[in-house]
PDB file of N, CA and C in Angstrom:
ATOM      1  N   UNK A   1       4.643  -3.693 -14.254  1.00  0.00           N
ATOM      2  CA  UNK A   1       4.086  -4.631 -13.394  1.00  0.00           C
ATOM      3  C   UNK A   1       2.457  -4.484 -13.545  1.00  0.00           C
ATOM      4  N   UNK A   2       1.771  -5.578 -13.745  1.00  0.00           N
ATOM      5  CA  UNK A   2       0.339  -5.580 -14.011  1.00  0.00           C
ATOM      6  C   UNK A   2      -0.430  -5.200 -12.770  1.00  0.00           C
ATOM      7  N   UNK A   3      -1.698  -4.478 -13.101  1.00  0.00           N
ATOM      8  CA  UNK A   3      -2.626  -4.269 -12.108  1.00  0.00           C
ATOM      9  C   UNK A   3      -3.222  -5.702 -11.522  1.00  0.00           C
ATOM     10  N   UNK A   4      -3.721  -5.431 -10.258  1.00  0.00           N
ATOM     11  CA  UNK A   4      -4.096  -6.531  -9.372  1.00  0.00           C
ATOM     12  C   UNK A   4      -5.469  -6.270  -9.002  1.00  0.00           C
ATOM     13  N   UNK A   5      -6.278  -7.121  -8.338  1.00  0.00           N
ATOM     14  CA  UNK A   5      -7.653  -6.867  -7.889  1.00  0.00           C
ATOM     15  C   UNK A   5      -7.483  -6.200  -6.585  1.00  0.00           C
ATOM     16  N   UNK A   6      -8.494  -5.275  -6.176  1.00  0.00           N
ATOM     17  CA  UNK A   6      -8.534  -4.541  -5.065  1.00  0.00           C
ATOM     18  C   UNK A   6      -8.650  -5.384  -3.852  1.00  0.00           C
ATOM     19  N   UNK A   7      -8.518  -5.059  -2.635  1.00  0.00           N
ATOM     20  CA  UNK A   7      -8.713  -5.817  -1.459  1.00  0.00           C
ATOM     21  C   UNK A   7     -10.172  -6.324  -1.380  1.00  0.00           C
ATOM     22  N   UNK A   8     -10.196  -7.552  -0.812  1.00  0.00           N
ATOM     23  CA  UNK A   8     -11.509  -8.163  -0.710  1.00  0.00           C
ATOM     24  C   UNK A   8     -12.463  -7.307   0.242  1.00  0.00           C
ATOM     25  N   UNK A   9     -13.715  -7.095  -0.326  1.00  0.00           N
ATOM     26  CA  UNK A   9     -14.763  -6.221   0.305  1.00  0.00           C
ATOM     27  C   UNK A   9     -14.641  -4.868  -0.196  1.00  0.00           C
ATOM     28  N   UNK A  10     -13.764  -4.548  -0.986  1.00  0.00           N
ATOM     29  CA  UNK A  10     -13.578  -3.156  -1.535  1.00  0.00           C
ATOM     30  C   UNK A  10     -13.629  -3.166  -2.917  1.00  0.00           C
ATOM     31  N   UNK A  11     -14.256  -2.139  -3.580  1.00  0.00           N
ATOM     32  CA  UNK A  11     -14.252  -1.895  -5.117  1.00  0.00           C
ATOM     33  C   UNK A  11     -13.314  -0.707  -5.219  1.00  0.00           C
ATOM     34  N   UNK A  12     -12.595  -0.817  -6.374  1.00  0.00           N
ATOM     35  CA  UNK A  12     -11.630   0.305  -6.722  1.00  0.00           C
ATOM     36  C   UNK A  12     -12.298   1.622  -6.730  1.00  0.00           C
ATOM     37  N   UNK A  13     -13.482   1.907  -6.951  1.00  0.00           N
ATOM     38  CA  UNK A  13     -14.226   2.992  -6.992  1.00  0.00           C
ATOM     39  C   UNK A  13     -14.271   3.592  -5.470  1.00  0.00           C
ATOM     40  N   UNK A  14     -14.598   2.558  -4.567  1.00  0.00           N
ATOM     41  CA  UNK A  14     -14.625   3.036  -3.175  1.00  0.00           C
ATOM     42  C   UNK A  14     -13.258   3.545  -2.663  1.00  0.00           C
ATOM     43  N   UNK A  15     -12.303   2.921  -2.910  1.00  0.00           N
ATOM     44  CA  UNK A  15     -10.873   3.283  -2.675  1.00  0.00           C
ATOM     45  C   UNK A  15     -10.609   4.596  -3.141  1.00  0.00           C
ATOM     46  N   UNK A  16     -10.973   4.895  -4.434  1.00  0.00           N
ATOM     47  CA  UNK A  16     -10.773   6.199  -4.852  1.00  0.00           C
ATOM     48  C   UNK A  16     -11.586   7.183  -4.327  1.00  0.00           C
ATOM     49  N   UNK A  17     -12.891   6.955  -3.868  1.00  0.00           N
ATOM     50  CA  UNK A  17     -13.740   7.893  -3.266  1.00  0.00           C
ATOM     51  C   UNK A  17     -13.180   8.288  -1.772  1.00  0.00           C
ATOM     52  N   UNK A  18     -12.866   7.322  -1.050  1.00  0.00           N
ATOM     53  CA  UNK A  18     -12.393   7.335   0.288  1.00  0.00           C
ATOM     54  C   UNK A  18     -10.990   8.255   0.273  1.00  0.00           C
ATOM     55  N   UNK A  19     -10.082   7.786  -0.504  1.00  0.00           N
ATOM     56  CA  UNK A  19      -8.684   8.293  -0.573  1.00  0.00           C
ATOM     57  C   UNK A  19      -8.733   9.777  -1.121  1.00  0.00           C
ATOM     58  N   UNK A  20      -9.690  10.106  -2.022  1.00  0.00           N
ATOM     59  CA  UNK A  20      -9.804  11.400  -2.768  1.00  0.00           C
ATOM     60  C   UNK A  20      -8.855  11.296  -4.060  1.00  0.00           C
ATOM     61  N   UNK A  21      -8.220  10.250  -4.348  1.00  0.00           N
ATOM     62  CA  UNK A  21      -7.388   9.890  -5.459  1.00  0.00           C
ATOM     63  C   UNK A  21      -8.058   9.318  -6.659  1.00  0.00           C
ATOM     64  N   UNK A  22      -8.519  10.166  -7.652  1.00  0.00           N
ATOM     65  CA  UNK A  22      -9.235   9.478  -8.747  1.00  0.00           C
ATOM     66  C   UNK A  22      -8.578   8.488  -9.621  1.00  0.00           C
ATOM     67  N   UNK A  23      -7.259   8.522  -9.438  1.00  0.00           N
ATOM     68  CA  UNK A  23      -6.418   7.569 -10.231  1.00  0.00           C
ATOM     69  C   UNK A  23      -5.732   6.384  -9.353  1.00  0.00           C
ATOM     70  N   UNK A  24      -6.238   6.166  -8.286  1.00  0.00           N
ATOM     71  CA  UNK A  24      -5.711   4.988  -7.388  1.00  0.00           C
ATOM     72  C   UNK A  24      -5.785   3.813  -8.236  1.00  0.00           C
ATOM     73  N   UNK A  25      -4.964   2.845  -7.954  1.00  0.00           N
ATOM     74  CA  UNK A  25      -4.886   1.637  -8.595  1.00  0.00           C
ATOM     75  C   UNK A  25      -4.432   0.598  -7.563  1.00  0.00           C
ATOM     76  N   UNK A  26      -4.966  -0.565  -7.867  1.00  0.00           N
ATOM     77  CA  UNK A  26      -4.553  -1.857  -7.142  1.00  0.00           C
ATOM     78  C   UNK A  26      -3.259  -2.462  -7.955  1.00  0.00           C
ATOM     79  N   UNK A  27      -2.158  -2.514  -7.473  1.00  0.00           N
ATOM     80  CA  UNK A  27      -0.888  -2.895  -8.183  1.00  0.00           C
ATOM     81  C   UNK A  27      -0.565  -4.397  -7.898  1.00  0.00           C
ATOM     82  N   UNK A  28       0.210  -4.971  -8.891  1.00  0.00           N
ATOM     83  CA  UNK A  28       0.801  -6.247  -8.634  1.00  0.00           C
ATOM     84  C   UNK A  28       1.580  -6.165  -7.488  1.00  0.00           C
ATOM     85  N   UNK A  29       1.427  -7.116  -6.488  1.00  0.00           N
ATOM     86  CA  UNK A  29       2.194  -7.147  -5.206  1.00  0.00           C
ATOM     87  C   UNK A  29       3.531  -7.796  -5.298  1.00  0.00           C
ATOM     88  N   UNK A  30       3.928  -8.196  -6.498  1.00  0.00           N
ATOM     89  CA  UNK A  30       5.294  -8.859  -6.700  1.00  0.00           C
ATOM     90  C   UNK A  30       6.375  -7.761  -6.767  1.00  0.00           C
ATOM     91  N   UNK A  31       6.647  -7.271  -5.588  1.00  0.00           N
ATOM     92  CA  UNK A  31       7.669  -6.165  -5.519  1.00  0.00           C
ATOM     93  C   UNK A  31       8.281  -6.163  -4.119  1.00  0.00           C
ATOM     94  N   UNK A  32       9.353  -5.381  -4.037  1.00  0.00           N
ATOM     95  CA  UNK A  32      10.186  -5.258  -2.743  1.00  0.00           C
ATOM     96  C   UNK A  32       9.510  -4.220  -1.813  1.00  0.00           C
ATOM     97  N   UNK A  33       9.359  -4.473  -0.531  1.00  0.00           N
ATOM     98  CA  UNK A  33       8.724  -3.561   0.292  1.00  0.00           C
ATOM     99  C   UNK A  33       9.663  -3.520   1.614  1.00  0.00           C
ATOM    100  N   UNK A  34      10.081  -2.350   2.199  1.00  0.00           N
ATOM    101  CA  UNK A  34      10.847  -2.168   3.283  1.00  0.00           C
ATOM    102  C   UNK A  34      10.194  -1.361   4.398  1.00  0.00           C
ATOM    103  N   UNK A  35      10.401  -1.613   5.575  1.00  0.00           N
ATOM    104  CA  UNK A  35       9.836  -0.807   6.714  1.00  0.00           C
ATOM    105  C   UNK A  35      11.225   0.170   7.074  1.00  0.00           C
ATOM    106  N   UNK A  36      10.987   1.451   6.999  1.00  0.00           N
ATOM    107  CA  UNK A  36      12.135   2.378   7.131  1.00  0.00           C
ATOM    108  C   UNK A  36      11.957   3.296   8.328  1.00  0.00           C
ATOM    109  N   UNK A  37      11.054   3.008   9.171  1.00  0.00           N
ATOM    110  CA  UNK A  37      10.781   4.036  10.219  1.00  0.00           C
ATOM    111  C   UNK A  37      11.378   3.479  11.537  1.00  0.00           C
ATOM    112  N   UNK A  38      11.893   4.473  12.320  1.00  0.00           N
ATOM    113  CA  UNK A  38      12.381   4.138  13.645  1.00  0.00           C
ATOM    114  C   UNK A  38      13.642   3.426  13.768  1.00  0.00           C
ATOM    115  N   UNK A  39      13.544   2.053  14.075  1.00  0.00           N
ATOM    116  CA  UNK A  39      14.649   1.186  14.468  1.00  0.00           C
ATOM    117  C   UNK A  39      15.482   0.920  13.190  1.00  0.00           C
ATOM    118  N   UNK A  40      15.561   1.483  12.047  1.00  0.00           N
ATOM    119  CA  UNK A  40      16.306   1.102  10.918  1.00  0.00           C
ATOM    120  C   UNK A  40      15.546   0.543   9.932  1.00  0.00           C
ATOM    121  N   UNK A  41      16.111  -0.008   8.847  1.00  0.00           N
ATOM    122  CA  UNK A  41      15.540  -0.667   7.662  1.00  0.00           C
ATOM    123  C   UNK A  41      15.234  -2.234   7.832  1.00  0.00           C
ATOM    124  N   UNK A  42      14.018  -2.503   7.677  1.00  0.00           N
ATOM    125  CA  UNK A  42      13.768  -4.022   7.705  1.00  0.00           C
ATOM    126  C   UNK A  42      12.961  -4.403   6.484  1.00  0.00           C
ATOM    127  N   UNK A  43      13.322  -5.446   5.673  1.00  0.00           N
ATOM    128  CA  UNK A  43      12.585  -5.951   4.746  1.00  0.00           C
ATOM    129  C   UNK A  43      11.427  -6.521   5.070  1.00  0.00           C
ATOM    130  N   UNK A  44      10.302  -6.265   4.481  1.00  0.00           N
ATOM    131  CA  UNK A  44       8.979  -6.866   4.951  1.00  0.00           C
ATOM    132  C   UNK A  44       8.610  -8.121   4.076  1.00  0.00           C
ATOM    133  N   UNK A  45       7.850  -8.930   4.552  1.00  0.00           N
ATOM    134  CA  UNK A  45       7.381 -10.031   4.087  1.00  0.00           C
ATOM    135  C   UNK A  45       6.796  -9.759   2.872  1.00  0.00           C
ATOM    136  N   UNK A  46       6.814 -10.612   1.793  1.00  0.00           N
ATOM    137  CA  UNK A  46       5.966 -10.241   0.487  1.00  0.00           C
ATOM    138  C   UNK A  46       4.712  -9.612   0.485  1.00  0.00           C
ATOM    139  N   UNK A  47       4.417  -8.475   0.033  1.00  0.00           N
ATOM    140  CA  UNK A  47       3.195  -7.857   0.098  1.00  0.00           C
ATOM    141  C   UNK A  47       2.072  -8.717  -0.628  1.00  0.00           C
ATOM    142  N   UNK A  48       0.960  -8.785   0.072  1.00  0.00           N
ATOM    143  CA  UNK A  48      -0.187  -9.429  -0.387  1.00  0.00           C
ATOM    144  C   UNK A  48      -1.191  -8.456  -1.183  1.00  0.00           C
ATOM    145  N   UNK A  49      -1.239  -7.183  -0.799  1.00  0.00           N
ATOM    146  CA  UNK A  49      -1.926  -6.177  -1.463  1.00  0.00           C
ATOM    147  C   UNK A  49      -1.095  -4.812  -1.504  1.00  0.00           C
ATOM    148  N   UNK A  50      -1.055  -4.294  -2.704  1.00  0.00           N
ATOM    149  CA  UNK A  50      -0.412  -2.942  -2.860  1.00  0.00           C
ATOM    150  C   UNK A  50      -1.372  -2.123  -3.578  1.00  0.00           C
ATOM    151  N   UNK A  51      -1.644  -0.857  -2.876  1.00  0.00           N
ATOM    152  CA  UNK A  51      -2.600   0.114  -3.606  1.00  0.00           C
ATOM    153  C   UNK A  51      -1.634   1.359  -3.883  1.00  0.00           C
ATOM    154  N   UNK A  52      -1.585   1.818  -5.151  1.00  0.00           N
ATOM    155  CA  UNK A  52      -0.867   2.932  -5.524  1.00  0.00           C
ATOM    156  C   UNK A  52      -1.661   4.193  -5.694  1.00  0.00           C
ATOM    157  N   UNK A  53      -1.043   5.354  -5.124  1.00  0.00           N
ATOM    158  CA  UNK A  53      -1.632   6.676  -5.160  1.00  0.00           C
ATOM    159  C   UNK A  53      -0.650   7.699  -5.664  1.00  0.00           C
ATOM    160  N   UNK A  54      -0.403   7.645  -6.939  1.00  0.00           N
ATOM    161  CA  UNK A  54       0.695   8.481  -7.506  1.00  0.00           C
ATOM    162  C   UNK A  54       2.088   8.034  -6.803  1.00  0.00           C
ATOM    163  N   UNK A  55       2.737   8.857  -5.985  1.00  0.00           N
ATOM    164  CA  UNK A  55       3.987   8.499  -5.470  1.00  0.00           C
ATOM    165  C   UNK A  55       3.791   7.818  -4.072  1.00  0.00           C
ATOM    166  N   UNK A  56       2.744   7.753  -3.524  1.00  0.00           N
ATOM    167  CA  UNK A  56       2.463   7.015  -2.307  1.00  0.00           C
ATOM    168  C   UNK A  56       1.651   5.617  -2.548  1.00  0.00           C
ATOM    169  N   UNK A  57       1.743   4.768  -1.582  1.00  0.00           N
ATOM    170  CA  UNK A  57       1.069   3.520  -1.642  1.00  0.00           C
ATOM    171  C   UNK A  57       0.799   3.029  -0.256  1.00  0.00           C
ATOM    172  N   UNK A  58      -0.212   2.017  -0.203  1.00  0.00           N
ATOM    173  CA  UNK A  58      -0.503   1.320   1.026  1.00  0.00           C
ATOM    174  C   UNK A  58      -0.186  -0.116   0.642  1.00  0.00           C
ATOM    175  N   UNK A  59       0.521  -0.674   1.606  1.00  0.00           N
ATOM    176  CA  UNK A  59       0.911  -2.211   1.488  1.00  0.00           C
ATOM    177  C   UNK A  59       0.243  -2.980   2.490  1.00  0.00           C
ATOM    178  N   UNK A  60      -0.246  -4.221   2.421  1.00  0.00           N
ATOM    179  CA  UNK A  60      -0.532  -5.077   3.402  1.00  0.00           C
ATOM    180  C   UNK A  60       0.281  -6.418   3.137  1.00  0.00           C
ATOM    181  N   UNK A  61       1.287  -6.586   4.176  1.00  0.00           N
ATOM    182  CA  UNK A  61       2.153  -7.725   4.075  1.00  0.00           C
ATOM    183  C   UNK A  61       1.358  -9.004   4.323  1.00  0.00           C
ATOM    184  N   UNK A  62       1.808 -10.066   3.654  1.00  0.00           N
ATOM    185  CA  UNK A  62       1.007 -11.465   3.772  1.00  0.00           C
ATOM    186  C   UNK A  62       0.994 -11.938   5.224  1.00  0.00           C
ATOM    187  N   UNK A  63       1.843 -11.671   6.158  1.00  0.00           N
ATOM    188  CA  UNK A  63       1.806 -11.862   7.420  1.00  0.00           C
ATOM    189  C   UNK A  63       1.310 -10.841   8.561  1.00  0.00           C
ATOM    190  N   UNK A  64       0.686  -9.866   8.074  1.00  0.00           N
ATOM    191  CA  UNK A  64       0.434  -8.685   9.043  1.00  0.00           C
ATOM    192  C   UNK A  64      -0.927  -8.165   8.574  1.00  0.00           C
ATOM    193  N   UNK A  65      -1.765  -7.986   9.572  1.00  0.00           N
ATOM    194  CA  UNK A  65      -3.159  -7.246   9.325  1.00  0.00           C
ATOM    195  C   UNK A  65      -3.072  -5.702   9.056  1.00  0.00           C
ATOM    196  N   UNK A  66      -2.007  -5.097   9.387  1.00  0.00           N
ATOM    197  CA  UNK A  66      -1.873  -3.704   9.181  1.00  0.00           C
ATOM    198  C   UNK A  66      -1.793  -3.206   7.840  1.00  0.00           C
ATOM    199  N   UNK A  67      -1.996  -2.052   7.432  1.00  0.00           N
ATOM    200  CA  UNK A  67      -1.660  -1.324   6.273  1.00  0.00           C
ATOM    201  C   UNK A  67      -0.630  -0.521   6.352  1.00  0.00           C
ATOM    202  N   UNK A  68       0.517  -0.556   5.565  1.00  0.00           N
ATOM    203  CA  UNK A  68       1.768   0.258   5.784  1.00  0.00           C
ATOM    204  C   UNK A  68       1.682   1.153   4.694  1.00  0.00           C
ATOM    205  N   UNK A  69       1.791   2.483   5.134  1.00  0.00           N
ATOM    206  CA  UNK A  69       1.970   3.628   4.013  1.00  0.00           C
ATOM    207  C   UNK A  69       3.432   3.789   3.658  1.00  0.00           C
ATOM    208  N   UNK A  70       3.558   4.221   2.464  1.00  0.00           N
ATOM    209  CA  UNK A  70       4.902   4.463   2.088  1.00  0.00           C
ATOM    210  C   UNK A  70       5.151   4.985   0.708  1.00  0.00           C
ATOM    211  N   UNK A  71       6.401   5.339   0.306  1.00  0.00           N
ATOM    212  CA  UNK A  71       6.605   5.866  -0.973  1.00  0.00           C
ATOM    213  C   UNK A  71       6.916   4.667  -2.055  1.00  0.00           C
ATOM    214  N   UNK A  72       6.252   5.085  -3.151  1.00  0.00           N
ATOM    215  CA  UNK A  72       6.458   4.038  -4.297  1.00  0.00           C
ATOM    216  C   UNK A  72       7.373   4.785  -5.278  1.00  0.00           C
ATOM    217  N   UNK A  73       8.354   4.078  -5.576  1.00  0.00           N
ATOM    218  CA  UNK A  73       9.415   4.521  -6.501  1.00  0.00           C
ATOM    219  C   UNK A  73       9.306   3.927  -7.819  1.00  0.00           C
ATOM    220  N   UNK A  74       9.908   4.754  -8.846  1.00  0.00           N
ATOM    221  CA  UNK A  74       9.692   4.356 -10.281  1.00  0.00           C
ATOM    222  C   UNK A  74      10.147   2.868 -10.621  1.00  0.00           C
ATOM    223  N   UNK A  75      11.105   2.216  -9.865  1.00  0.00           N
ATOM    224  CA  UNK A  75      11.551   0.842 -10.017  1.00  0.00           C
ATOM    225  C   UNK A  75      10.494  -0.145  -9.485  1.00  0.00           C
ATOM    226  N   UNK A  76       9.475   0.339  -8.737  1.00  0.00           N
ATOM    227  CA  UNK A  76       8.471  -0.494  -8.207  1.00  0.00           C
ATOM    228  C   UNK A  76       8.646  -0.917  -6.803  1.00  0.00           C
ATOM    229  N   UNK A  77       9.889  -0.489  -6.134  1.00  0.00           N
ATOM    230  CA  UNK A  77      10.219  -0.684  -4.752  1.00  0.00           C
ATOM    231  C   UNK A  77       9.380   0.267  -3.839  1.00  0.00           C
ATOM    232  N   UNK A  78       9.314  -0.126  -2.535  1.00  0.00           N
ATOM    233  CA  UNK A  78       8.496   0.700  -1.699  1.00  0.00           C
ATOM    234  C   UNK A  78       9.246   0.767  -0.270  1.00  0.00           C
ATOM    235  N   UNK A  79       9.262   1.984   0.133  1.00  0.00           N
ATOM    236  CA  UNK A  79       9.750   2.235   1.604  1.00  0.00           C
ATOM    237  C   UNK A  79       8.634   2.743   2.459  1.00  0.00           C
ATOM    238  N   UNK A  80       8.132   1.913   3.408  1.00  0.00           N
ATOM    239  CA  UNK A  80       7.144   2.258   4.318  1.00  0.00           C
ATOM    240  C   UNK A  80       7.643   2.896   5.505  1.00  0.00           C
ATOM    241  N   UNK A  81       6.817   3.817   6.059  1.00  0.00           N
ATOM    242  CA  UNK A  81       7.042   4.637   7.324  1.00  0.00           C
ATOM    243  C   UNK A  81       6.071   4.979   8.171  1.00  0.00           C
ATOM    244  N   UNK A  82       4.851   4.499   8.120  1.00  0.00           N
ATOM    245  CA  UNK A  82       3.684   4.580   8.878  1.00  0.00           C
ATOM    246  C   UNK A  82       2.810   3.218   8.742  1.00  0.00           C
ATOM    247  N   UNK A  83       2.040   2.979   9.807  1.00  0.00           N
ATOM    248  CA  UNK A  83       1.085   1.786   9.869  1.00  0.00           C
ATOM    249  C   UNK A  83      -0.252   2.135  10.317  1.00  0.00           C
ATOM    250  N   UNK A  84      -1.315   1.625   9.753  1.00  0.00           N
ATOM    251  CA  UNK A  84      -2.569   1.700  10.158  1.00  0.00           C
ATOM    252  C   UNK A  84      -3.188   0.299  10.324  1.00  0.00           C
ATOM    253  N   UNK A  85      -4.099   0.048  11.389  1.00  0.00           N
ATOM    254  CA  UNK A  85      -4.741  -1.200  11.500  1.00  0.00           C
ATOM    255  C   UNK A  85      -6.053  -1.257  10.720  1.00  0.00           C
ATOM    256  N   UNK A  86      -6.459  -0.044  10.149  1.00  0.00           N
ATOM    257  CA  UNK A  86      -7.705   0.003   9.438  1.00  0.00           C
ATOM    258  C   UNK A  86      -7.506   0.586   7.998  1.00  0.00           C
ATOM    259  N   UNK A  87      -8.034  -0.149   7.000  1.00  0.00           N
ATOM    260  CA  UNK A  87      -7.956   0.351   5.684  1.00  0.00           C
ATOM    261  C   UNK A  87      -8.530   1.721   5.430  1.00  0.00           C
ATOM    262  N   UNK A  88      -9.724   1.934   5.894  1.00  0.00           N
ATOM    263  CA  UNK A  88     -10.366   3.201   5.787  1.00  0.00           C
ATOM    264  C   UNK A  88      -9.583   4.309   6.327  1.00  0.00           C
ATOM    265  N   UNK A  89      -8.962   4.071   7.471  1.00  0.00           N
ATOM    266  CA  UNK A  89      -8.301   5.173   8.176  1.00  0.00           C
ATOM    267  C   UNK A  89      -6.872   5.315   7.275  1.00  0.00           C
ATOM    268  N   UNK A  90      -6.449   4.351   6.836  1.00  0.00           N
ATOM    269  CA  UNK A  90      -5.196   4.570   6.112  1.00  0.00           C
ATOM    270  C   UNK A  90      -5.423   5.266   4.811  1.00  0.00           C
ATOM    271  N   UNK A  91      -6.690   4.926   4.232  1.00  0.00           N
ATOM    272  CA  UNK A  91      -6.974   5.834   2.927  1.00  0.00           C
ATOM    273  C   UNK A  91      -7.179   7.197   3.321  1.00  0.00           C
ATOM    274  N   UNK A  92      -7.915   7.581   4.442  1.00  0.00           N
ATOM    275  CA  UNK A  92      -7.983   8.742   4.744  1.00  0.00           C
ATOM    276  C   UNK A  92      -6.697   9.693   5.154  1.00  0.00           C
ATOM    277  N   UNK A  93      -5.738   8.884   5.629  1.00  0.00           N
ATOM    278  CA  UNK A  93      -4.434   9.187   5.923  1.00  0.00           C
ATOM    279  C   UNK A  93      -3.676   9.861   4.819  1.00  0.00           C
ATOM    280  N   UNK A  94      -4.015   9.429   3.599  1.00  0.00           N
ATOM    281  CA  UNK A  94      -3.295   9.868   2.551  1.00  0.00           C
ATOM    282  C   UNK A  94      -3.408  11.283   2.340  1.00  0.00           C
TER     283      UNK A  94
END
């Protein structure tokens, strides 16, 4: 899956600086993402933004202002298990 542009108002270098991951990338959002915390597994609406950090990622669904942290698998799928309302805080939470 091809790379995508970073979130509006952010440069990829800013994302790398805040997260501490020098290899962070903005990924193609055309992938499956699931919310797997607490009350079971729920398919998320198609991701609008996906940022990859080795085996972790941050997902912003098209219908939600939150950033969801999760595991990024080799097949491109994502299981999310934490949510942040602020991108900066989510990046620091990595």
